[in-house]
C-alpha atoms as a PDB file:
ATOM      1  CA  MET A   1     -21.244   9.135  -6.381  1.00  0.00           C
ATOM      2  CA  SER A   2     -18.596   6.956  -4.788  1.00  0.00           C
ATOM      3  CA  GLU A   3     -15.029   7.196  -5.738  1.00  0.00           C
ATOM      4  CA  LYS A   4     -12.258   4.589  -5.272  1.00  0.00           C
ATOM      5  CA  TYR A   5      -8.842   5.520  -3.975  1.00  0.00           C
ATOM      6  CA  LEU A   6      -5.569   3.577  -3.677  1.00  0.00           C
ATOM      7  CA  ILE A   7      -3.839   4.058  -0.309  1.00  0.00           C
ATOM      8  CA  LEU A   8      -0.140   3.222  -0.639  1.00  0.00           C
ATOM      9  CA  ILE A   9       1.516   2.470   2.838  1.00  0.00           C
ATOM     10  CA  MET A  10       5.283   3.815   2.590  1.00  0.00           C
ATOM     11  CA  ASP A  11       7.260   2.652   5.612  1.00  0.00           C
ATOM     12  CA  GLY A  12      10.858   3.118   6.531  1.00  0.00           C
ATOM     13  CA  SER A  13      13.334   0.432   5.145  1.00  0.00           C
ATOM     14  CA  TRP A  14      12.494  -2.805   6.623  1.00  0.00           C
ATOM     15  CA  ASP A  15      13.037  -6.640   6.022  1.00  0.00           C
ATOM     16  CA  SER A  16       9.690  -8.576   6.122  1.00  0.00           C
ATOM     17  CA  ALA A  17      11.929 -11.741   7.291  1.00  0.00           C
ATOM     18  CA  THR A  18      12.798 -10.090  10.538  1.00  0.00           C
ATOM     19  CA  VAL A  19       9.277  -9.011  11.697  1.00  0.00           C
ATOM     20  CA  THR A  20       8.715 -10.468  15.236  1.00  0.00           C
ATOM     21  CA  GLU A  21       5.507 -12.194  16.288  1.00  0.00           C
ATOM     22  CA  GLU A  22       4.869  -9.157  18.755  1.00  0.00           C
ATOM     23  CA  GLN A  23       5.573  -6.512  15.729  1.00  0.00           C
ATOM     24  CA  HIS A  24       3.119  -8.653  13.590  1.00  0.00           C
ATOM     25  CA  ASN A  25       0.330  -8.807  16.330  1.00  0.00           C
ATOM     26  CA  ASP A  26       0.789  -5.005  16.923  1.00  0.00           C
ATOM     27  CA  ALA A  27       0.437  -4.248  13.120  1.00  0.00           C
ATOM     28  CA  MET A  28      -2.673  -6.424  12.853  1.00  0.00           C
ATOM     29  CA  LYS A  29      -4.407  -4.512  15.746  1.00  0.00           C
ATOM     30  CA  ALA A  30      -3.436  -1.255  14.267  1.00  0.00           C
ATOM     31  CA  HIS A  31      -4.872  -2.251  10.722  1.00  0.00           C
ATOM     32  CA  GLY A  32      -8.058  -3.728  12.385  1.00  0.00           C
ATOM     33  CA  ALA A  33      -8.518  -0.261  14.095  1.00  0.00           C
ATOM     34  CA  PHE A  34      -8.167   1.362  10.563  1.00  0.00           C
ATOM     35  CA  ALA A  35     -10.722  -1.007   9.051  1.00  0.00           C
ATOM     36  CA  ALA A  36     -13.017  -0.168  11.928  1.00  0.00           C
ATOM     37  CA  ALA A  37     -12.593   3.644  11.333  1.00  0.00           C
ATOM     38  CA  VAL A  38     -13.381   3.306   7.508  1.00  0.00           C
ATOM     39  CA  ALA A  39     -16.460   1.362   8.199  1.00  0.00           C
ATOM     40  CA  ALA A  40     -17.429   3.869  10.854  1.00  0.00           C
ATOM     41  CA  ALA A  41     -17.115   6.687   8.376  1.00  0.00           C
ATOM     42  CA  GLY A  42     -19.517   5.033   5.974  1.00  0.00           C
ATOM     43  CA  ALA A  43     -16.690   4.167   3.598  1.00  0.00           C
ATOM     44  CA  ALA A  44     -15.395   0.656   2.424  1.00  0.00           C
ATOM     45  CA  ILE A  45     -12.375  -1.165   1.921  1.00  0.00           C
ATOM     46  CA  LEU A  46     -12.498  -2.889  -1.279  1.00  0.00           C
ATOM     47  CA  GLY A  47      -9.177  -4.788  -1.003  1.00  0.00           C
ATOM     48  CA  GLY A  48      -5.634  -4.536   0.137  1.00  0.00           C
ATOM     49  CA  GLU A  49      -2.679  -6.585   1.047  1.00  0.00           C
ATOM     50  CA  ALA A  50       0.722  -6.597   2.948  1.00  0.00           C
ATOM     51  CA  LEU A  51       3.635  -6.848   0.702  1.00  0.00           C
ATOM     52  CA  GLN A  52       6.941  -8.656   1.552  1.00  0.00           C
ATOM     53  CA  GLY A  53      10.076  -6.512   1.620  1.00  0.00           C
ATOM     54  CA  PRO A  54      12.263  -5.527  -1.562  1.00  0.00           C
ATOM     55  CA  ASN A  55      14.839  -8.040  -0.790  1.00  0.00           C
ATOM     56  CA  VAL A  56      12.682 -10.738  -2.287  1.00  0.00           C
ATOM     57  CA  GLY A  57      11.272  -8.756  -5.020  1.00  0.00           C
ATOM     58  CA  PHE A  58      12.324  -8.205  -8.544  1.00  0.00           C
ATOM     59  CA  SER A  59      12.000  -5.486 -11.329  1.00  0.00           C
ATOM     60  CA  VAL A  60      11.351  -6.026 -14.956  1.00  0.00           C
ATOM     61  CA  THR A  61      12.237  -3.544 -17.619  1.00  0.00           C
ATOM     62  CA  PRO A  62       9.864  -4.553 -20.600  1.00  0.00           C
ATOM     63  CA  ALA A  63      11.344  -5.422 -24.078  1.00  0.00           C
ATOM     64  CA  ALA A  64      11.638  -2.346 -26.302  1.00  0.00           C
ATOM     65  CA  GLY A  65      13.304  -1.243 -29.384  1.00  0.00           C
ATOM     66  CA  GLY A  66      14.588  -4.717 -30.189  1.00  0.00           C
ATOM     67  CA  LYS A  67      16.073  -5.209 -26.821  1.00  0.00           C
ATOM     68  CA  PRO A  68      14.821  -8.265 -24.635  1.00  0.00           C
ATOM     69  CA  ALA A  69      13.269  -7.729 -21.164  1.00  0.00           C
ATOM     70  CA  VAL A  70      15.593  -7.241 -18.335  1.00  0.00           C
ATOM     71  CA  TYR A  71      14.948  -8.937 -15.052  1.00  0.00           C
ATOM     72  CA  THR A  72      16.575  -7.814 -11.843  1.00  0.00           C
ATOM     73  CA  ASN A  73      16.396  -9.805  -8.667  1.00  0.00           C
ATOM     74  CA  GLY A  74      16.171  -8.003  -5.138  1.00  0.00           C
ATOM     75  CA  PRO A  75      17.290  -6.394  -3.252  1.00  0.00           C
ATOM     76  CA  LEU A  76      16.186  -3.611  -5.192  1.00  0.00           C
ATOM     77  CA  ALA A  77      17.557  -0.065  -5.314  1.00  0.00           C
ATOM     78  CA  GLU A  78      18.936   1.182  -1.963  1.00  0.00           C
ATOM     79  CA  THR A  79      15.954   3.114  -0.415  1.00  0.00           C
ATOM     80  CA  THR A  80      15.001   4.871   2.841  1.00  0.00           C
ATOM     81  CA  GLU A  81      11.489   3.686   2.422  1.00  0.00           C
ATOM     82  CA  VAL A  82       9.550   0.816   0.926  1.00  0.00           C
ATOM     83  CA  LEU A  83       5.924   0.224  -0.175  1.00  0.00           C
ATOM     84  CA  SER A  84       4.786  -2.289   2.566  1.00  0.00           C
ATOM     85  CA  GLY A  85       1.152  -2.612   1.547  1.00  0.00           C
ATOM     86  CA  TYR A  86      -1.915  -1.037   0.074  1.00  0.00           C
ATOM     87  CA  TYR A  87      -5.742  -0.585   0.534  1.00  0.00           C
ATOM     88  CA  ILE A  88      -8.266   0.271  -2.048  1.00  0.00           C
ATOM     89  CA  ILE A  89     -11.078   2.144  -0.328  1.00  0.00           C
ATOM     90  CA  GLU A  90     -14.389   3.652  -1.773  1.00  0.00           C
ATOM     91  CA  THR A  91     -15.911   6.912  -0.104  1.00  0.00           C
ATOM     92  CA  ASP A  92     -18.079   9.583  -1.147  1.00  0.00           C
ATOM     93  CA  THR A  93     -15.661  12.558  -1.062  1.00  0.00           C
ATOM     94  CA  VAL A  94     -11.982  13.203  -1.605  1.00  0.00           C
ATOM     95  CA  GLU A  95     -12.003  15.014   1.878  1.00  0.00           C
ATOM     96  CA  LYS A  96     -13.208  11.673   3.413  1.00  0.00           C
ATOM     97  CA  ALA A  97     -10.509   9.823   1.521  1.00  0.00           C
ATOM     98  CA  ARG A  98      -7.913  12.222   3.059  1.00  0.00           C
ATOM     99  CA  GLU A  99      -9.130  11.890   6.620  1.00  0.00           C
ATOM    100  CA  LEU A 100      -9.147   7.994   6.437  1.00  0.00           C
ATOM    101  CA  ALA A 101      -5.723   7.938   4.932  1.00  0.00           C
ATOM    102  CA  ALA A 102      -4.393   9.906   7.871  1.00  0.00           C
ATOM    103  CA  LEU A 103      -5.512   6.966   9.972  1.00  0.00           C
ATOM    104  CA  CYS A 104      -3.848   4.267   8.129  1.00  0.00           C
ATOM    105  CA  PRO A 105      -0.991   2.908  10.253  1.00  0.00           C
ATOM    106  CA  THR A 106       2.615   3.463   8.903  1.00  0.00           C
ATOM    107  CA  ASN A 107       6.092   4.311  10.213  1.00  0.00           C
ATOM    108  CA  GLY A 108       6.626   6.371   7.244  1.00  0.00           C
ATOM    109  CA  HIS A 109       3.863   8.256   5.115  1.00  0.00           C
ATOM    110  CA  ILE A 110       0.755   7.255   2.970  1.00  0.00           C
ATOM    111  CA  GLU A 111       0.263   8.122  -0.598  1.00  0.00           C
ATOM    112  CA  VAL A 112      -3.244   8.457  -2.001  1.00  0.00           C
ATOM    113  CA  ARG A 113      -4.259   8.234  -5.654  1.00  0.00           C
ATOM    114  CA  PRO A 114      -7.583   8.330  -7.128  1.00  0.00           C
ATOM    115  CA  ILE A 115      -8.548   5.173  -9.256  1.00  0.00           C
ATOM    116  CA  TRP A 116      -9.553   5.869 -12.770  1.00  0.00           C
ATOM    117  CA  ASP A 117     -12.723   4.516 -13.609  1.00  0.00           C
ATOM    118  CA  MET A 118     -12.068   2.362 -16.687  1.00  0.00           C
ATOM    119  CA  ALA A 119     -15.744   1.408 -17.277  1.00  0.00           C
ATOM    120  CA  MET A 120     -16.328   4.521 -19.486  1.00  0.00           C
END
């Protein structure tokens, strides 16, 4: 039975507004190679997106205990790494998910989380 995994791409601190055309083209080639490797392994990419930097994001602390929700505009907390994108892949084994995650382009590291099947 196939399982789904979320691959979180954690990169060094960066500003998406300063990415050059050359850097963008290089990244697209690297992610194209990753997609080809996933397909060659008999797995599938079910989704994924690149994310803009934390300087344009915001955080929300939901309302609780009678207090209203709190909204905080970016830049968010000072960090040495940011979540720059993600993939959702489907593969037969956790071992294959590990092997494929190791091929995902990043200047930082990759986090992999199994996706809980909510169709139970």
